[in-house]
Amino acid sequence: MEENKRDEVPDPESSRLQFIKNMGEGGFGVAKLFKDKVTDKMYVRKDIQLNGPLQQLLFQRELQMLIRIRQKGCEKHFVCLRNQSYNGQWGYILMDYIPNSFEFHSFLKQNIQNLNWTQRFVIMHRALKALARLHDIGITHRDMKTTNILVDTSLQVYLIDFGLSCFRSDPACYQQTAGTPAFQDPQMARRFATRRDPSVKFSPPTFTENMQNDLWGLGICLAMMFHSRDAFYVKAGQHTREIQANLHGFFKRVWHDYSYPRVSKEQEAIVRATFPILQSIFNAIFIIPLQNRPTAHKLLAIWSTYEKAWVRAIFNVYHRKPVPFKVLKQGAVKNLQQIQINPKTKQWANDNRPVSAIAVRVASKNRRKRLNTVA
């Protein structure tokens, strides 16, 4: 009997769970940390007071999302659902506890001065992979912001809080306004604002447009990470349009923050060798109009075109080898329907513009080749 108790997950309202502390409070619920007295395992329980139809809807929706995620596999990018209960007045969702994890906003406040360039790139890559995985499952988050992203001390990224999310197969869900204004695509915000005008026919966003809106919100979060001044992310709501209008200025400020003597010469060499990745990712995320924005998978494809150059740059720096570089003038990427490069012409597929490139010399068996990657 004792072994069976150890194998089973306790009920969220069970006396087996010992309250440890409050983890945080959101608009629709409170997260609390509990310890299982039998197994000593830690759980997070989200308590949602069901005092109205909206709260009941959000509880049911988040539960459905977590069940789908658990069915598809939640170990790498999401917090797994373990049990749930409902007693009429309160809904309880019991989830795994991620030790040494922080909300992204808190993580940046505590660690932004200590994160080096490479660590920020690791977080960006893992966040894009988590969002791409969520979209693969057939779910749009619809409220991407710093408080809905967890980062642990190993820099693993987890997406949380799916109360406003929608399934691909539920277009009626898309008609409901969702998201936090500071992290919402301005085009999406304007579209929902037209619902108040009876003379304008409201057109609900599609699943693809919701995915692109998720990407905008994630882009705002990542931009906060790369610009280390507090004013940038404290005034995030004022920057959603400014990033699009003055993206070049954003790159210039980031470049300024990561230049010698603010960072070591070794770090500066890595920054210079990998800076076009940052430019390409953010140019793609903040494309206007919304319909031209690539998916998270296509952004990962951009990343893969740089991967060898990035790894080689870091390898060369740590082995004290010179890293040749040439940063050319960057422009917004206009055509990202196919994230591919013609290896002969070094141009975008379906586009006649030349590729802005960073040259990184790599060794081969018989000769040295020059590897051009998209900027």
Protein backbone atom coordinates (compact mmCIF):
# COMPACT_ATOMS: atom_id res chain seq x y z
CA MET A 1 0.00 0.00 0.00
CA GLU A 2 2.81 2.37 0.84
CA GLU A 3 4.43 1.77 -2.55
CA ASN A 4 1.14 2.48 -4.34
CA LYS A 5 0.80 5.76 -2.46
CA ARG A 6 4.26 6.75 -3.59
CA ASP A 7 3.43 6.03 -7.21
CA GLU A 8 0.18 7.98 -7.34
CA VAL A 9 -0.07 11.76 -7.66
CA PRO A 10 -1.94 13.30 -4.72
CA ASP A 11 -5.27 15.05 -5.17
CA PRO A 12 -4.80 18.87 -5.22
CA GLU A 13 -6.96 19.16 -2.09
CA SER A 14 -5.35 16.19 -0.31
CA SER A 15 -3.93 16.50 3.21
CA ARG A 16 -0.79 14.85 1.80
CA LEU A 17 0.19 18.24 0.44
CA GLN A 18 1.98 20.55 2.85
CA PHE A 19 1.83 24.26 2.02
CA ILE A 20 5.27 25.88 1.64
CA LYS A 21 4.76 29.37 0.25
CA ASN A 22 2.93 31.54 -2.27
CA MET A 23 4.71 31.60 -5.63
CA GLY A 24 2.82 34.48 -7.21
CA GLU A 25 -0.57 35.94 -7.98
CA GLY A 26 -2.02 36.66 -11.40
CA GLY A 27 -5.21 38.20 -12.70
CA PHE A 28 -7.17 34.94 -12.44
CA GLY A 29 -5.41 32.77 -9.89
CA VAL A 30 -2.79 32.21 -7.21
CA ALA A 31 0.19 29.85 -7.57
CA LYS A 32 1.28 28.07 -4.38
CA LEU A 33 4.16 25.72 -3.64
CA PHE A 34 3.35 22.42 -1.87
CA LYS A 35 5.37 19.44 -0.71
CA ASP A 36 4.09 15.86 -0.85
CA LYS A 37 4.53 14.45 2.65
CA VAL A 38 4.82 10.88 1.33
CA THR A 39 7.31 11.31 -1.54
CA ASP A 40 8.87 14.69 -0.60
CA LYS A 41 8.20 15.81 -4.17
CA MET A 42 7.40 19.46 -4.77
CA TYR A 43 4.33 20.63 -6.74
CA VAL A 44 2.87 23.94 -7.79
CA ARG A 45 -0.87 24.31 -7.32
CA LYS A 46 -2.78 27.00 -9.15
CA ASP A 47 -5.94 28.06 -7.30
CA ILE A 48 -8.63 29.77 -9.40
CA GLN A 49 -11.73 31.17 -7.72
CA LEU A 50 -14.71 30.34 -9.90
CA ASN A 51 -16.93 33.29 -8.98
CA GLY A 52 -18.19 33.99 -12.48
CA PRO A 53 -18.55 32.59 -16.01
CA LEU A 54 -15.28 34.17 -17.16
CA GLN A 55 -13.26 32.48 -14.42
CA GLN A 56 -14.96 29.15 -15.12
CA LEU A 57 -14.18 29.49 -18.83
CA LEU A 58 -10.51 30.31 -18.16
CA PHE A 59 -10.17 27.37 -15.76
CA GLN A 60 -11.66 24.91 -18.26
CA ARG A 61 -9.59 26.32 -21.11
CA GLU A 62 -6.29 26.17 -19.27
CA LEU A 63 -7.07 22.64 -18.15
CA GLN A 64 -7.78 21.57 -21.73
CA MET A 65 -4.53 23.14 -22.95
CA LEU A 66 -2.45 21.44 -20.25
CA ILE A 67 -4.06 18.07 -20.97
CA ARG A 68 -3.23 18.41 -24.69
CA ILE A 69 0.34 19.45 -23.88
CA ARG A 70 0.74 16.48 -21.53
CA GLN A 71 -0.52 14.13 -24.23
CA LYS A 72 2.00 15.50 -26.74
CA GLY A 73 4.93 15.66 -24.30
CA CYS A 74 5.71 18.53 -21.95
CA GLU A 75 9.08 17.66 -20.45
CA LYS A 76 11.33 20.12 -22.30
CA HIS A 77 9.35 23.30 -22.86
CA PHE A 78 6.32 23.30 -20.56
CA VAL A 79 5.29 22.65 -16.96
CA CYS A 80 3.48 19.29 -16.84
CA LEU A 81 -0.04 18.89 -15.48
CA ARG A 82 -0.25 16.17 -12.80
CA ASN A 83 -3.77 16.40 -11.36
CA GLN A 84 -6.80 18.66 -11.09
CA SER A 85 -9.96 19.07 -9.02
CA TYR A 86 -13.07 21.23 -8.85
CA ASN A 87 -15.39 21.83 -5.93
CA GLY A 88 -17.85 24.39 -7.29
CA GLN A 89 -16.21 27.49 -5.84
CA TRP A 90 -12.56 26.78 -6.57
CA GLY A 91 -10.66 25.05 -9.34
CA TYR A 92 -7.25 23.52 -8.59
CA ILE A 93 -4.53 22.62 -11.07
CA LEU A 94 -1.55 20.63 -9.76
CA MET A 95 1.65 20.90 -11.82
CA ASP A 96 5.30 19.98 -11.59
CA TYR A 97 7.60 22.36 -9.77
CA ILE A 98 10.64 23.55 -11.72
CA PRO A 99 13.40 24.06 -9.11
CA ASN A 100 15.55 27.18 -9.31
CA SER A 101 13.24 28.77 -11.87
CA PHE A 102 12.13 32.39 -12.14
CA GLU A 103 9.63 34.39 -14.11
CA PHE A 104 11.50 35.96 -17.00
CA HIS A 105 10.94 39.49 -15.68
CA SER A 106 12.42 38.59 -12.28
CA PHE A 107 15.20 36.60 -13.93
CA LEU A 108 16.26 39.66 -15.94
CA LYS A 109 16.16 41.98 -12.95
CA GLN A 110 18.40 39.67 -10.94
CA ASN A 111 20.77 38.41 -13.63
CA ILE A 112 20.81 40.76 -16.62
CA GLN A 113 24.16 42.28 -15.66
CA ASN A 114 25.73 38.83 -15.25
CA LEU A 115 24.48 37.21 -18.48
CA ASN A 116 27.08 37.12 -21.22
CA TRP A 117 26.26 37.33 -24.92
CA THR A 118 26.38 33.57 -25.50
CA GLN A 119 24.00 32.85 -22.61
CA ARG A 120 21.48 35.35 -24.02
CA PHE A 121 21.66 33.60 -27.37
CA VAL A 122 21.00 30.24 -25.69
CA ILE A 123 17.89 31.66 -23.98
CA MET A 124 16.66 33.18 -27.25
CA HIS A 125 17.10 29.92 -29.14
CA ARG A 126 15.33 27.86 -26.48
CA ALA A 127 12.46 30.34 -26.24
CA LEU A 128 11.92 30.13 -30.01
CA LYS A 129 11.98 26.33 -29.82
CA ALA A 130 9.41 26.32 -27.00
CA LEU A 131 7.06 28.59 -28.95
CA ALA A 132 7.51 26.54 -32.14
CA ARG A 133 6.67 23.38 -30.17
CA LEU A 134 3.51 24.96 -28.75
CA HIS A 135 2.36 25.89 -32.25
CA ASP A 136 3.14 22.37 -33.47
CA ILE A 137 0.78 21.01 -30.84
CA GLY A 138 -1.95 23.22 -32.33
CA ILE A 139 -2.12 25.88 -29.60
CA THR A 140 -1.59 29.64 -29.73
CA HIS A 141 -0.63 31.22 -26.41
CA ARG A 142 -2.18 34.69 -27.04
CA ASP A 143 -0.57 36.23 -23.93
CA MET A 144 3.18 36.03 -24.43
CA LYS A 145 4.88 38.24 -21.85
CA THR A 146 7.70 38.13 -19.32
CA THR A 147 5.52 36.81 -16.49
CA ASN A 148 4.39 33.83 -18.61
CA ILE A 149 7.91 32.58 -19.30
CA LEU A 150 10.06 30.68 -16.80
CA VAL A 151 13.85 30.42 -16.97
CA ASP A 152 15.83 28.15 -14.64
CA THR A 153 19.47 28.36 -13.64
CA SER A 154 20.48 26.00 -16.48
CA LEU A 155 18.87 28.54 -18.89
CA GLN A 156 16.07 26.15 -19.88
CA VAL A 157 12.92 28.04 -20.97
CA TYR A 158 9.34 27.02 -20.11
CA LEU A 159 6.03 28.56 -21.24
CA ILE A 160 3.25 28.79 -18.65
CA ASP A 161 -0.27 30.19 -18.11
CA PHE A 162 -2.58 29.04 -20.91
CA GLY A 163 -5.85 30.55 -19.68
CA LEU A 164 -6.21 32.76 -22.78
CA SER A 165 -4.87 30.20 -25.27
CA CYS A 166 -6.81 28.73 -28.20
CA PHE A 167 -6.77 25.49 -30.16
CA ARG A 168 -6.28 25.55 -33.91
CA SER A 169 -9.65 23.76 -34.25
CA ASP A 170 -11.58 26.40 -32.26
CA PRO A 171 -11.97 29.53 -34.44
CA ALA A 172 -14.72 30.90 -32.17
CA CYS A 173 -12.05 31.35 -29.50
CA TYR A 174 -10.16 33.81 -31.72
CA GLN A 175 -12.98 36.35 -31.53
CA GLN A 176 -12.23 37.04 -27.87
CA THR A 177 -9.78 39.80 -27.05
CA ALA A 178 -6.61 38.50 -25.38
CA GLY A 179 -3.11 39.61 -24.50
CA THR A 180 -1.35 42.37 -22.59
CA PRO A 181 -1.20 45.68 -24.51
CA ALA A 182 2.54 46.17 -23.94
CA PHE A 183 3.27 42.83 -25.62
CA GLN A 184 0.54 42.79 -28.26
CA ASP A 185 1.11 43.42 -31.94
CA PRO A 186 -0.25 46.94 -32.63
CA GLN A 187 -2.06 45.70 -35.73
CA MET A 188 -3.85 43.05 -33.66
CA ALA A 189 -4.76 45.65 -31.03
CA ARG A 190 -6.22 47.97 -33.68
CA ARG A 191 -8.23 45.11 -35.17
CA PHE A 192 -9.90 44.30 -31.86
CA ALA A 193 -10.49 48.02 -31.26
CA THR A 194 -12.72 48.09 -34.37
CA ARG A 195 -15.22 45.83 -32.59
CA ARG A 196 -16.49 48.92 -30.78
CA ASP A 197 -17.31 50.62 -34.09
CA PRO A 198 -20.57 49.20 -35.53
CA SER A 199 -19.79 50.69 -38.94
CA VAL A 200 -16.68 48.49 -39.31
CA LYS A 201 -17.00 44.77 -39.93
CA PHE A 202 -14.85 42.86 -37.47
CA SER A 203 -12.65 40.15 -38.95
CA PRO A 204 -11.33 37.75 -36.26
CA PRO A 205 -7.68 36.77 -36.60
CA THR A 206 -6.77 33.37 -37.99
CA PHE A 207 -4.68 30.75 -36.22
CA THR A 208 -1.63 31.82 -38.25
CA GLU A 209 -2.10 35.47 -37.31
CA ASN A 210 -2.37 34.48 -33.65
CA MET A 211 0.92 32.58 -34.02
CA GLN A 212 2.53 35.71 -35.47
CA ASN A 213 1.12 37.75 -32.60
CA ASP A 214 2.73 35.27 -30.17
CA LEU A 215 6.02 35.88 -31.94
CA TRP A 216 5.70 39.65 -31.51
CA GLY A 217 5.17 39.24 -27.75
CA LEU A 218 8.14 36.90 -27.46
CA GLY A 219 10.21 39.38 -29.47
CA ILE A 220 9.45 42.14 -26.97
CA CYS A 221 10.60 39.84 -24.14
CA LEU A 222 13.83 38.96 -25.96
CA ALA A 223 14.51 42.61 -26.81
CA MET A 224 14.41 43.39 -23.09
CA MET A 225 17.08 40.76 -22.52
CA PHE A 226 19.48 42.20 -25.10
CA HIS A 227 19.13 45.81 -24.00
CA SER A 228 20.46 45.88 -20.45
CA ARG A 229 19.16 49.30 -19.42
CA ASP A 230 16.32 49.18 -16.93
CA ALA A 231 14.33 51.91 -18.72
CA PHE A 232 13.93 49.69 -21.76
CA TYR A 233 11.87 46.98 -20.15
CA VAL A 234 10.18 49.15 -17.52
CA LYS A 235 8.66 51.13 -20.43
CA ALA A 236 8.03 48.11 -22.61
CA GLY A 237 4.54 49.29 -23.55
CA GLN A 238 5.98 52.39 -25.19
CA HIS A 239 8.43 50.38 -27.26
CA THR A 240 6.19 48.09 -29.27
CA ARG A 241 5.94 50.65 -32.07
CA GLU A 242 9.33 52.21 -31.44
CA ILE A 243 11.15 48.92 -32.02
CA GLN A 244 9.55 48.62 -35.44
CA ALA A 245 10.14 52.27 -36.37
CA ASN A 246 13.65 52.57 -34.95
CA LEU A 247 15.02 49.04 -35.16
CA HIS A 248 18.34 50.37 -36.37
CA GLY A 249 18.57 52.51 -33.22
CA PHE A 250 17.88 49.43 -31.10
CA PHE A 251 20.73 47.55 -32.80
CA LYS A 252 23.00 50.54 -32.33
CA ARG A 253 22.29 50.67 -28.58
CA VAL A 254 22.87 46.94 -28.20
CA TRP A 255 26.13 47.21 -30.17
CA HIS A 256 27.17 50.07 -27.87
CA ASP A 257 26.43 48.00 -24.75
CA TYR A 258 28.56 45.08 -25.94
CA SER A 259 31.63 46.90 -27.23
CA TYR A 260 35.05 47.01 -25.59
CA PRO A 261 35.78 48.19 -22.87
CA ARG A 262 32.25 47.43 -21.60
CA VAL A 263 32.95 43.78 -22.36
CA SER A 264 36.19 41.91 -22.80
CA LYS A 265 37.86 41.76 -26.19
CA GLU A 266 37.04 38.06 -26.40
CA GLN A 267 33.34 38.76 -25.79
CA GLU A 268 33.42 41.61 -28.29
CA ALA A 269 34.81 39.27 -30.93
CA ILE A 270 31.92 36.85 -30.33
CA VAL A 271 29.43 39.72 -30.50
CA ARG A 272 30.82 40.96 -33.79
CA ALA A 273 30.85 37.49 -35.30
CA THR A 274 27.27 36.70 -34.28
CA PHE A 275 25.59 40.10 -34.37
CA PRO A 276 23.93 39.44 -37.77
CA ILE A 277 21.95 36.59 -36.18
CA LEU A 278 20.42 39.08 -33.76
CA GLN A 279 19.67 41.50 -36.58
CA SER A 280 18.06 38.86 -38.77
CA ILE A 281 15.89 37.45 -35.97
CA PHE A 282 14.58 40.83 -34.83
CA ASN A 283 14.14 42.18 -38.35
CA ALA A 284 11.95 39.14 -39.02
CA ILE A 285 9.98 39.27 -35.74
CA PHE A 286 9.01 42.92 -36.11
CA ILE A 287 7.99 42.82 -39.75
CA ILE A 288 4.93 44.89 -40.61
CA PRO A 289 2.37 43.91 -41.84
CA LEU A 290 1.60 41.03 -39.55
CA GLN A 291 0.80 38.64 -42.42
CA ASN A 292 4.40 38.82 -43.71
CA ARG A 293 5.90 37.76 -40.39
CA PRO A 294 7.52 34.31 -40.43
CA THR A 295 6.62 31.54 -38.02
CA ALA A 296 8.83 30.47 -35.12
CA HIS A 297 9.94 27.49 -37.23
CA LYS A 298 11.15 29.78 -40.01
CA LEU A 299 13.07 31.84 -37.48
CA LEU A 300 14.78 28.66 -36.33
CA ALA A 301 15.63 28.07 -39.99
CA ILE A 302 17.30 31.49 -40.07
CA TRP A 303 19.20 30.44 -36.98
CA SER A 304 20.39 27.23 -38.61
CA THR A 305 21.99 29.20 -41.47
CA TYR A 306 24.18 30.90 -38.87
CA GLU A 307 24.88 27.98 -36.59
CA LYS A 308 28.24 26.93 -38.05
CA ALA A 309 29.47 30.50 -38.12
CA TRP A 310 28.39 31.06 -34.53
CA VAL A 311 30.01 27.90 -33.20
CA ARG A 312 33.17 28.60 -35.20
CA ALA A 313 33.34 32.15 -33.87
CA ILE A 314 33.14 31.00 -30.26
CA PHE A 315 35.65 28.20 -30.93
CA ASN A 316 38.12 30.63 -32.48
CA VAL A 317 37.82 33.11 -29.62
CA TYR A 318 38.43 30.55 -26.91
CA HIS A 319 41.37 29.12 -28.83
CA ARG A 320 42.87 32.56 -29.33
CA LYS A 321 42.49 32.52 -33.09
CA PRO A 322 41.58 35.71 -34.97
CA VAL A 323 37.97 35.99 -36.10
CA PRO A 324 37.72 37.98 -39.34
CA PHE A 325 34.47 39.86 -39.61
CA LYS A 326 32.75 42.41 -41.77
CA VAL A 327 29.45 43.90 -40.64
CA LEU A 328 27.59 45.44 -43.55
CA LYS A 329 24.71 47.89 -43.48
CA GLN A 330 21.58 46.05 -42.38
CA GLY A 331 18.11 46.56 -43.85
CA ALA A 332 14.75 45.10 -42.95
CA VAL A 333 14.17 41.69 -44.46
CA LYS A 334 11.09 42.08 -46.67
CA ASN A 335 10.61 38.63 -48.14
CA LEU A 336 10.66 35.72 -45.74
CA GLN A 337 8.22 33.37 -47.45
CA GLN A 338 11.13 30.98 -47.94
CA ILE A 339 13.98 31.10 -45.49
CA GLN A 340 16.51 29.63 -47.89
CA ILE A 341 19.67 30.83 -49.58
CA ASN A 342 20.77 30.04 -53.10
CA PRO A 343 24.32 28.69 -52.54
CA LYS A 344 25.46 29.85 -55.98
CA THR A 345 24.17 33.42 -56.02
CA LYS A 346 24.26 33.94 -52.24
CA GLN A 347 20.81 35.52 -52.42
CA TRP A 348 17.44 34.96 -50.80
CA ALA A 349 15.19 32.47 -52.56
CA ASN A 350 12.44 34.39 -54.41
CA ASP A 351 14.37 37.64 -53.98
CA ASN A 352 16.99 39.37 -56.09
CA ARG A 353 18.56 41.37 -53.30
CA PRO A 354 22.11 40.37 -52.33
CA VAL A 355 22.58 38.86 -48.90
CA SER A 356 24.25 41.05 -46.31
CA ALA A 357 26.90 38.75 -44.93
CA ILE A 358 29.42 38.19 -42.23
CA ALA A 359 32.52 36.44 -43.46
CA VAL A 360 33.94 33.75 -41.22
CA ARG A 361 36.88 31.69 -42.45
CA VAL A 362 36.58 27.98 -41.83
CA ALA A 363 39.11 25.27 -42.44
CA SER A 364 38.54 22.48 -44.96
CA LYS A 365 40.64 19.52 -46.01
CA ASN A 366 42.30 21.06 -49.06
CA ARG A 367 41.61 24.78 -48.88
CA ARG A 368 40.02 27.53 -46.81
CA LYS A 369 36.54 28.50 -47.78
CA ARG A 370 34.56 31.60 -47.02
CA LEU A 371 31.18 30.91 -45.44
CA ASN A 372 28.57 33.59 -46.14
CA THR A 373 25.52 33.64 -43.91
CA VAL A 374 22.44 35.82 -44.07
CA ALA A 375 22.36 39.00 -42.05
